[in-house]
N, C-alpha and C. Protein backbone atom coordinates (compact mmCIF):
# COMPACT_ATOMS: atom_id res chain seq x y z
N MET A 1 -16.19 -8.67 -19.10
CA MET A 1 -15.86 -8.30 -17.86
C MET A 1 -15.57 -6.93 -18.25
N ASP A 2 -15.95 -6.09 -17.27
CA ASP A 2 -15.32 -4.60 -17.14
C ASP A 2 -14.58 -4.18 -16.25
N TYR A 3 -13.72 -3.99 -16.92
CA TYR A 3 -12.23 -4.43 -14.97
C TYR A 3 -11.57 -2.95 -14.63
N GLY A 4 -12.97 -1.94 -15.71
CA GLY A 4 -12.61 -0.89 -15.35
C GLY A 4 -12.82 -0.58 -14.39
N ARG A 5 -13.85 -1.28 -13.59
CA ARG A 5 -14.55 -1.44 -12.43
C ARG A 5 -14.37 -1.39 -11.41
N PHE A 6 -13.30 -2.27 -11.40
CA PHE A 6 -12.13 -2.95 -10.63
C PHE A 6 -11.86 -1.83 -9.46
N LEU A 7 -11.98 -1.95 -8.21
CA LEU A 7 -11.56 -1.11 -6.58
C LEU A 7 -10.38 -1.60 -6.29
N VAL A 8 -9.14 -1.37 -6.06
CA VAL A 8 -8.60 -2.26 -4.46
C VAL A 8 -7.80 -0.90 -4.29
N ILE A 9 -7.72 -1.77 -2.85
CA ILE A 9 -7.09 -0.78 -1.97
C ILE A 9 -6.05 -1.54 -1.29
N SER A 10 -5.43 -1.46 -1.16
CA SER A 10 -3.75 -2.19 -1.00
C SER A 10 -3.08 -0.89 0.34
N LEU A 11 -3.13 -1.57 1.82
CA LEU A 11 -2.19 -1.15 2.26
C LEU A 11 -0.93 -1.63 2.70
N GLY A 12 -0.28 -0.90 2.47
CA GLY A 12 1.47 -1.60 2.83
C GLY A 12 1.81 -1.42 4.52
N THR A 13 2.66 -1.97 4.84
CA THR A 13 3.30 -2.08 6.45
C THR A 13 4.11 -1.18 6.50
N GLY A 14 5.03 -0.33 5.32
CA GLY A 14 5.17 0.29 5.68
C GLY A 14 7.03 -0.27 5.10
N THR A 15 7.58 0.88 4.66
CA THR A 15 9.25 -0.10 4.34
C THR A 15 10.44 0.75 4.55
N ALA A 16 11.17 0.87 4.38
CA ALA A 16 12.35 1.34 5.30
C ALA A 16 12.67 2.28 4.02
N LYS A 17 13.48 3.57 4.69
CA LYS A 17 13.82 4.74 3.67
C LYS A 17 15.08 3.63 3.19
N ASN A 18 15.01 4.02 1.38
CA ASN A 18 15.69 3.41 1.05
C ASN A 18 17.64 4.04 1.33
N GLU A 19 18.12 3.20 2.40
CA GLU A 19 19.17 3.88 2.82
C GLU A 19 20.44 2.84 2.16
N GLN A 20 19.98 2.34 1.04
CA GLN A 20 21.35 2.15 -0.06
C GLN A 20 22.23 1.06 1.33
N LYS A 21 21.98 0.22 1.96
CA LYS A 21 22.65 -0.38 2.73
C LYS A 21 23.90 -1.44 2.93
N TYR A 22 23.83 -2.24 1.47
CA TYR A 22 24.41 -2.63 0.72
C TYR A 22 24.79 -2.39 -0.71
N SER A 23 25.91 -2.95 -0.82
CA SER A 23 27.00 -2.30 -2.15
C SER A 23 27.26 -3.90 -2.61
N ALA A 24 26.92 -3.39 -4.42
CA ALA A 24 27.32 -4.67 -4.92
C ALA A 24 28.81 -5.17 -4.93
N LEU A 25 30.31 -4.00 -4.42
CA LEU A 25 31.25 -5.14 -3.84
C LEU A 25 31.24 -5.22 -2.63
N GLU A 26 30.45 -4.83 -1.90
CA GLU A 26 30.55 -5.81 -0.31
C GLU A 26 29.59 -7.12 -0.99
N ALA A 27 28.92 -7.09 -1.22
CA ALA A 27 28.11 -8.25 -1.34
C ALA A 27 28.65 -9.24 -2.19
N ALA A 28 29.39 -8.92 -3.40
CA ALA A 28 30.68 -9.71 -3.97
C ALA A 28 31.25 -10.97 -3.07
N LYS A 29 31.46 -10.56 -1.97
CA LYS A 29 32.27 -11.12 -0.76
C LYS A 29 31.98 -11.84 -0.19
N TRP A 30 30.46 -11.65 0.25
CA TRP A 30 29.31 -12.79 1.23
C TRP A 30 29.71 -13.96 0.68
N GLY A 31 29.89 -14.62 1.81
CA GLY A 31 29.27 -16.14 2.14
C GLY A 31 27.99 -16.08 1.97
N LEU A 32 27.49 -17.19 2.79
CA LEU A 32 26.28 -17.52 2.38
C LEU A 32 25.56 -16.86 3.98
N MET A 33 26.65 -17.36 5.46
CA MET A 33 25.22 -16.50 6.99
C MET A 33 25.16 -15.27 6.35
N SER A 34 26.32 -14.28 5.46
CA SER A 34 26.55 -13.28 5.15
C SER A 34 24.71 -12.67 5.15
N TRP A 35 24.57 -13.47 3.70
CA TRP A 35 22.91 -13.07 2.95
C TRP A 35 22.31 -13.24 3.56
N VAL A 36 22.18 -13.73 4.48
CA VAL A 36 21.16 -14.18 5.84
C VAL A 36 21.07 -13.05 7.34
N THR A 37 22.54 -12.63 7.21
CA THR A 37 22.42 -11.28 8.54
C THR A 37 23.50 -10.75 8.38
N THR A 38 23.73 -9.36 7.81
CA THR A 38 24.60 -8.29 7.77
C THR A 38 24.24 -7.13 8.14
N GLY A 39 25.36 -6.70 8.90
CA GLY A 39 25.37 -5.36 9.45
C GLY A 39 23.86 -4.92 10.41
N GLY A 40 23.06 -5.72 11.10
CA GLY A 40 22.34 -5.68 11.69
C GLY A 40 20.58 -5.72 11.28
N GLY A 41 20.67 -6.49 9.42
CA GLY A 41 19.81 -6.38 8.72
C GLY A 41 19.94 -7.77 7.97
N ASN A 42 18.63 -8.61 7.25
CA ASN A 42 18.81 -9.34 6.60
C ASN A 42 18.68 -9.25 5.19
N PRO A 43 19.16 -9.43 3.83
CA PRO A 43 19.98 -9.17 2.73
C PRO A 43 18.96 -9.96 1.96
N LEU A 44 18.33 -11.27 2.56
CA LEU A 44 18.02 -11.93 1.35
C LEU A 44 16.30 -11.82 1.60
N ILE A 45 16.32 -11.55 2.79
CA ILE A 45 15.00 -11.11 3.43
C ILE A 45 14.61 -9.71 2.95
N ASP A 46 15.34 -9.10 3.07
CA ASP A 46 14.57 -7.77 2.60
C ASP A 46 15.31 -7.70 1.15
N ILE A 47 15.70 -8.60 0.31
CA ILE A 47 15.77 -8.23 -1.39
C ILE A 47 14.29 -8.98 -1.83
N PHE A 48 13.75 -10.12 -1.03
CA PHE A 48 12.72 -11.21 -1.52
C PHE A 48 11.43 -10.02 -1.24
N SER A 49 11.48 -9.59 0.16
CA SER A 49 10.49 -9.25 0.21
C SER A 49 9.82 -7.55 -0.86
N HIS A 50 11.68 -7.04 -0.57
CA HIS A 50 11.08 -5.58 -1.77
C HIS A 50 10.60 -5.74 -2.91
N ALA A 51 11.10 -6.79 -3.44
CA ALA A 51 11.30 -6.97 -4.84
C ALA A 51 9.59 -7.37 -5.00
N SER A 52 9.13 -8.68 -3.98
CA SER A 52 8.08 -8.97 -3.86
C SER A 52 6.61 -8.00 -4.54
N ALA A 53 6.80 -7.24 -2.95
CA ALA A 53 5.97 -5.99 -3.18
C ALA A 53 6.77 -4.52 -4.37
N ASP A 54 7.70 -4.40 -4.56
CA ASP A 54 7.63 -4.02 -5.95
C ASP A 54 7.15 -4.38 -7.47
N MET A 55 7.03 -5.57 -7.66
CA MET A 55 5.87 -6.23 -8.77
C MET A 55 4.69 -5.72 -8.43
N VAL A 56 4.82 -6.54 -6.96
CA VAL A 56 2.38 -6.17 -7.39
C VAL A 56 1.93 -4.88 -7.68
N ASP A 57 3.12 -4.25 -7.05
CA ASP A 57 2.31 -2.23 -6.95
C ASP A 57 2.63 -2.54 -9.13
N LEU A 58 4.07 -2.19 -9.64
CA LEU A 58 3.99 -1.97 -10.56
C LEU A 58 2.92 -2.88 -11.37
N HIS A 59 3.02 -3.98 -11.44
CA HIS A 59 1.90 -4.34 -12.03
C HIS A 59 0.50 -3.87 -12.16
N LEU A 60 0.40 -3.91 -10.66
CA LEU A 60 -1.49 -3.09 -10.40
C LEU A 60 -1.33 -1.83 -10.75
N SER A 61 -0.74 -0.87 -10.61
CA SER A 61 0.05 0.28 -11.65
C SER A 61 -0.64 0.16 -12.85
N THR A 62 0.36 -0.50 -13.51
CA THR A 62 0.38 -1.39 -14.87
C THR A 62 -1.43 -0.81 -15.30
N VAL A 63 -1.77 -2.36 -15.15
CA VAL A 63 -3.30 -2.88 -15.69
C VAL A 63 -4.43 -1.22 -15.34
N PHE A 64 -3.97 -1.12 -14.20
CA PHE A 64 -5.17 0.36 -13.82
C PHE A 64 -4.63 1.66 -14.46
N GLN A 65 -3.60 1.77 -15.30
CA GLN A 65 -2.94 2.80 -15.92
C GLN A 65 -3.71 2.21 -17.51
N ALA A 66 -3.33 0.76 -17.83
CA ALA A 66 -3.33 1.07 -18.98
C ALA A 66 -5.33 0.66 -19.69
N LEU A 67 -5.87 0.68 -18.25
CA LEU A 67 -7.28 0.56 -18.35
C LEU A 67 -7.77 2.65 -18.01
N HIS A 68 -6.86 2.82 -17.91
CA HIS A 68 -7.33 4.40 -17.30
C HIS A 68 -8.04 4.80 -16.36
N SER A 69 -7.75 3.67 -15.33
CA SER A 69 -8.74 3.73 -13.94
C SER A 69 -7.38 3.72 -12.91
N GLU A 70 -6.12 4.51 -13.18
CA GLU A 70 -5.48 4.76 -12.14
C GLU A 70 -6.64 5.38 -10.69
N GLN A 71 -7.31 5.70 -11.08
CA GLN A 71 -8.36 6.20 -9.42
C GLN A 71 -8.84 5.27 -8.72
N ASN A 72 -8.66 3.76 -9.68
CA ASN A 72 -9.57 2.65 -8.82
C ASN A 72 -8.65 1.86 -8.18
N TYR A 73 -7.20 2.02 -8.11
CA TYR A 73 -6.24 1.67 -7.49
C TYR A 73 -5.56 2.57 -6.75
N LEU A 74 -5.78 1.98 -5.09
CA LEU A 74 -5.17 3.00 -4.21
C LEU A 74 -3.78 2.19 -3.46
N ARG A 75 -2.75 2.59 -2.86
CA ARG A 75 -2.01 1.78 -2.92
C ARG A 75 -1.48 2.79 -1.93
N ILE A 76 -1.31 2.27 -0.42
CA ILE A 76 -0.93 3.05 0.33
C ILE A 76 0.43 2.30 1.66
N GLN A 77 1.00 3.19 1.16
CA GLN A 77 2.48 2.65 1.58
C GLN A 77 3.87 3.78 1.92
N ASP A 78 4.15 4.19 3.27
CA ASP A 78 5.22 4.95 3.63
C ASP A 78 6.45 4.19 3.12
N ASP A 79 7.37 4.35 2.08
CA ASP A 79 8.63 4.27 1.87
C ASP A 79 9.86 5.12 2.97
N THR A 80 9.67 5.97 3.75
CA THR A 80 10.72 6.41 4.57
C THR A 80 10.70 6.33 5.79
N LEU A 81 10.08 4.97 6.02
CA LEU A 81 10.34 4.85 7.56
C LEU A 81 11.97 4.57 7.95
N ILE A 82 12.30 5.03 9.27
CA ILE A 82 13.27 4.45 9.54
C ILE A 82 13.69 4.00 11.42
N GLY A 83 14.60 3.65 11.20
CA GLY A 83 15.13 3.24 12.96
C GLY A 83 14.51 1.80 12.77
N VAL A 84 13.70 1.89 13.95
CA VAL A 84 12.50 0.74 14.65
C VAL A 84 10.85 1.17 13.71
N LEU A 85 10.59 1.76 13.57
CA LEU A 85 9.53 2.16 13.27
C LEU A 85 9.21 0.64 11.50
N SER A 86 10.58 0.47 10.91
CA SER A 86 10.82 0.33 9.87
C SER A 86 10.51 -1.48 10.23
N SER A 87 11.12 -1.99 11.52
CA SER A 87 11.40 -2.84 12.05
C SER A 87 9.45 -3.88 11.67
N VAL A 88 9.64 -5.21 11.95
CA VAL A 88 8.26 -5.78 12.10
C VAL A 88 7.90 -6.07 12.97
N ASP A 89 8.91 -6.54 14.15
CA ASP A 89 8.95 -7.23 15.28
C ASP A 89 9.53 -6.68 16.82
N VAL A 90 9.44 -4.86 16.83
CA VAL A 90 9.12 -3.98 17.53
C VAL A 90 8.32 -3.70 18.09
N ALA A 91 7.31 -4.37 18.97
CA ALA A 91 6.02 -4.09 19.30
C ALA A 91 6.15 -3.73 21.40
N THR A 92 6.94 -3.00 21.41
CA THR A 92 6.90 -1.39 22.35
C THR A 92 6.25 -1.17 22.44
N GLU A 93 5.58 -0.39 23.37
CA GLU A 93 3.86 0.46 23.53
C GLU A 93 4.48 1.74 22.87
N GLU A 94 5.72 2.27 23.13
CA GLU A 94 6.37 3.05 22.07
C GLU A 94 6.52 3.10 20.52
N ASN A 95 7.09 1.85 20.00
CA ASN A 95 6.84 2.00 19.28
C ASN A 95 5.69 1.62 18.07
N LEU A 96 4.52 1.56 19.04
CA LEU A 96 3.27 1.49 18.71
C LEU A 96 2.49 2.48 18.24
N TYR A 97 2.81 3.45 19.67
CA TYR A 97 2.67 4.51 19.41
C TYR A 97 3.11 5.24 18.34
N ASP A 98 4.14 5.01 18.22
CA ASP A 98 4.89 5.68 16.96
C ASP A 98 4.34 5.87 15.46
N LEU A 99 3.83 4.11 15.42
CA LEU A 99 3.96 3.57 14.50
C LEU A 99 2.15 4.21 14.40
N GLU A 100 1.35 4.44 15.12
CA GLU A 100 -0.02 4.88 14.81
C GLU A 100 0.29 6.75 14.31
N LYS A 101 0.85 7.33 15.22
CA LYS A 101 1.11 8.67 14.06
C LYS A 101 1.29 8.39 13.42
N LYS A 102 2.13 7.70 13.36
CA LYS A 102 2.44 7.72 11.68
C LYS A 102 1.65 7.45 10.65
N GLY A 103 0.99 6.41 10.63
CA GLY A 103 -0.08 6.28 10.11
C GLY A 103 -1.55 6.92 10.10
N ILE A 104 -1.52 8.07 10.88
CA ILE A 104 -2.31 9.43 11.23
C ILE A 104 -1.49 10.34 9.78
N SER A 105 -1.21 10.36 10.52
CA SER A 105 -0.09 11.60 9.36
C SER A 105 -0.34 11.02 7.86
N LEU A 106 -0.11 9.54 7.41
CA LEU A 106 -0.32 9.28 6.07
C LEU A 106 -1.26 9.39 5.69
N LEU A 107 -2.38 9.35 6.69
CA LEU A 107 -3.38 9.59 5.57
C LEU A 107 -3.58 11.09 5.44
N GLU A 108 -3.75 12.13 6.36
CA GLU A 108 -3.46 12.99 5.53
C GLU A 108 -2.35 13.94 4.66
N SER A 109 -1.39 12.45 3.91
CA SER A 109 -0.61 13.03 2.94
C SER A 109 -1.21 12.50 1.73
N PRO A 110 -0.50 13.58 0.28
CA PRO A 110 -1.12 12.64 -0.66
C PRO A 110 -1.24 11.61 -1.31
N VAL A 111 -2.29 11.29 -2.10
CA VAL A 111 -1.76 9.88 -2.76
C VAL A 111 -1.24 9.78 -3.49
N SER A 112 0.01 8.53 -3.27
CA SER A 112 0.71 9.20 -4.34
C SER A 112 0.66 7.16 -5.25
N ARG A 113 1.82 7.49 -6.64
CA ARG A 113 1.80 6.51 -7.22
C ARG A 113 3.38 6.32 -7.88
N VAL A 114 3.68 4.99 -7.79
CA VAL A 114 5.80 5.12 -8.38
C VAL A 114 5.49 5.69 -9.12
N ASN A 115 6.37 6.26 -9.65
CA ASN A 115 6.57 6.88 -11.41
C ASN A 115 7.62 5.56 -11.90
N PHE A 116 6.94 5.05 -12.09
CA PHE A 116 7.89 3.89 -13.92
C PHE A 116 9.28 3.93 -13.75
N ASN A 117 9.84 5.26 -13.78
CA ASN A 117 11.04 5.06 -14.29
C ASN A 117 12.07 5.54 -13.66
N THR A 118 12.25 6.25 -12.41
CA THR A 118 12.53 6.07 -10.77
C THR A 118 12.28 4.78 -10.04
N GLY A 119 11.02 4.58 -9.86
CA GLY A 119 10.71 3.57 -8.59
C GLY A 119 9.91 4.17 -7.22
N VAL A 120 10.40 5.50 -7.41
CA VAL A 120 9.72 6.33 -6.00
C VAL A 120 8.35 6.35 -6.74
N TYR A 121 7.89 6.54 -5.40
CA TYR A 121 6.51 7.46 -5.02
C TYR A 121 6.63 8.65 -5.07
N GLU A 122 5.27 8.94 -6.05
CA GLU A 122 5.53 10.90 -6.48
C GLU A 122 4.00 11.33 -5.88
N PRO A 123 3.83 12.81 -5.54
CA PRO A 123 2.30 12.44 -5.40
C PRO A 123 1.31 12.35 -7.53
N ALA A 124 0.49 12.21 -6.74
CA ALA A 124 -0.78 11.90 -7.87
C ALA A 124 -1.44 12.77 -8.32
N LYS A 125 -2.14 12.45 -9.70
CA LYS A 125 -2.91 13.67 -9.72
C LYS A 125 -3.90 13.43 -10.10
N PRO A 126 -5.37 13.91 -10.05
CA PRO A 126 -5.33 15.00 -9.48
C PRO A 126 -5.16 14.45 -7.99
N GLN A 127 -4.97 15.56 -7.14
CA GLN A 127 -4.47 15.83 -5.63
C GLN A 127 -5.96 15.58 -4.38
N GLU A 128 -5.68 14.59 -3.85
CA GLU A 128 -5.99 14.05 -3.20
C GLU A 128 -5.65 13.42 -1.31
N THR A 129 -5.98 13.87 -0.89
CA THR A 129 -5.15 13.14 0.75
C THR A 129 -6.27 11.10 0.34
N ASN A 130 -4.42 10.60 0.60
CA ASN A 130 -5.19 9.34 1.41
C ASN A 130 -6.81 8.85 1.72
N LYS A 131 -6.93 9.80 3.00
CA LYS A 131 -7.94 9.87 3.99
C LYS A 131 -9.37 10.03 2.47
N GLU A 132 -8.84 11.35 2.03
CA GLU A 132 -10.08 11.88 0.89
C GLU A 132 -10.35 10.74 -0.18
N ALA A 133 -9.17 10.08 -0.88
CA ALA A 133 -9.50 8.81 -1.58
C ALA A 133 -10.01 7.20 -0.87
N LEU A 134 -9.58 6.96 0.20
CA LEU A 134 -11.05 6.09 1.09
C LEU A 134 -11.83 6.17 1.09
N ILE A 135 -12.55 7.46 1.56
CA ILE A 135 -13.73 7.71 1.46
C ILE A 135 -13.90 8.02 0.50
N ARG A 136 -13.74 8.05 -0.68
CA ARG A 136 -14.51 8.37 -2.15
C ARG A 136 -14.47 7.14 -2.02
N LEU A 137 -13.92 5.83 -2.18
CA LEU A 137 -14.08 4.72 -2.70
C LEU A 137 -14.31 4.12 -1.79
N ALA A 138 -14.79 3.86 0.34
CA ALA A 138 -15.93 3.60 0.52
C ALA A 138 -17.55 3.73 0.31
N LYS A 139 -17.58 4.95 -0.12
CA LYS A 139 -18.52 5.87 -1.26
C LYS A 139 -19.54 4.82 -2.02
N LEU A 140 -17.99 4.31 -2.77
CA LEU A 140 -18.21 3.83 -4.26
C LEU A 140 -18.72 2.10 -4.08
N LEU A 141 -18.30 1.64 -2.88
CA LEU A 141 -18.81 0.05 -2.71
C LEU A 141 -19.92 0.31 -1.97
N SER A 142 -19.90 1.53 -1.11
CA SER A 142 -21.14 1.34 -0.33
C SER A 142 -22.68 1.34 -1.31
N GLN A 143 -22.01 2.18 -2.28
CA GLN A 143 -23.79 2.12 -3.81
C GLN A 143 -23.45 1.28 -4.47
N GLU A 144 -22.41 0.31 -4.82
CA GLU A 144 -22.38 -0.76 -5.12
C GLU A 144 -22.75 -1.63 -4.69
N LYS A 145 -22.89 -2.29 -3.26
CA LYS A 145 -23.96 -3.02 -2.02
C LYS A 145 -25.49 -3.10 -2.14
N GLN A 146 -25.60 -1.72 -1.88
CA GLN A 146 -26.72 -0.86 -1.51
C GLN A 146 -27.67 -0.78 -3.49
N THR A 147 -26.81 -1.03 -4.20
CA THR A 147 -27.43 -1.46 -5.84
C THR A 147 -27.61 -3.15 -6.18
N ARG A 148 -26.75 -4.10 -5.16
CA ARG A 148 -27.07 -5.03 -5.52
C ARG A 148 -27.86 -6.46 -4.60
N ASP A 149 -28.18 -4.98 -3.70
CA ASP A 149 -29.28 -5.48 -2.53
C ASP A 149 -30.57 -5.29 -3.54
N ALA A 150 -30.46 -3.84 -3.57
CA ALA A 150 -31.47 -3.78 -4.45
C ALA A 150 -31.84 -4.70 -5.57
N ARG A 151 -30.89 -5.05 -5.96
CA ARG A 151 -31.50 -6.17 -6.97
C ARG A 151 -31.79 -7.47 -7.01
N SER A 152 -31.74 -8.02 -5.23
CA SER A 152 -30.98 -9.65 -4.91
C SER A 152 -33.15 -9.16 -4.18
N PRO A 153 -33.74 -10.61 -4.29
CA PRO A 153 -34.51 -10.49 -3.78
C PRO A 153 -34.49 -10.93 -1.94
N HIS A 154 -32.64 -11.25 -1.85
CA HIS A 154 -32.66 -11.85 -0.32
C HIS A 154 -31.71 -10.65 0.25
N GLY A 155 -32.08 -9.62 -0.50
CA GLY A 155 -30.66 -8.45 -0.43
C GLY A 155 -31.64 -7.80 1.12
N ALA A 156 -30.55 -6.56 1.75
CA ALA A 156 -30.67 -6.47 2.75
C ALA A 156 -32.37 -5.66 2.54
N VAL A 157 -32.21 -4.91 1.63
CA VAL A 157 -33.54 -4.25 1.04
C VAL A 157 -34.70 -4.94 1.40
N ALA A 158 -35.09 -5.95 0.94
CA ALA A 158 -35.39 -7.37 0.46
C ALA A 158 -35.96 -7.67 2.33
N MET A 159 -35.27 -7.34 2.98
CA MET A 159 -35.06 -8.01 4.63
C MET A 159 -35.44 -7.21 5.41
N GLY A 160 -35.69 -5.65 4.74
CA GLY A 160 -36.54 -5.03 5.64
C GLY A 160 -35.50 -3.26 6.38
N TYR A 161 -34.21 -3.99 5.78
CA TYR A 161 -32.88 -3.33 6.39
C TYR A 161 -32.94 -1.63 5.81
N ARG A 162 -32.90 -0.54 6.75
CA ARG A 162 -32.28 0.46 5.97
C ARG A 162 -30.99 1.16 6.67
N TRP A 163 -30.42 1.64 5.26
CA TRP A 163 -28.90 2.06 5.35
C TRP A 163 -29.15 3.70 5.99
N PRO A 164 -28.34 3.48 7.01
CA PRO A 164 -27.89 4.73 7.19
C PRO A 164 -27.75 6.07 6.37
N LYS A 165 -28.47 7.34 7.03
CA LYS A 165 -27.98 8.21 5.80
C LYS A 165 -26.93 9.08 6.48
């Protein structure tokens, strides 16, 4: 199997800016309930969700880097959200509007990759915006679909469908 042909588009929900909300000295004194809710946050949930997302991103980045096909892995994630923008349960009209604005600005941001030494997202090389990368990958997927349909006796081409130009 040619793993270099895999394309992965991973859209994150955003994460809070690394605010260092908790310290090891503080956490060492916590009881059971403090791990569930402290200072308006949920430390245990935060730890598991961040760890899961970080491990998936690290693993996929490593695999695609080893295959020399980093350009086939696109992770769009904003790790600078602050306040209610980083909350998953604030569905006010104002917050949804602010999230939409953030998403639109994220499209114009450069593609970023995780620096394995620091864990921080940095602009990738060659430089392209998230929007440009999405368009590039969409074209590749469309070309692949057309090729498969052309080869298939039951594909869209065989059924008389014409692709828009």
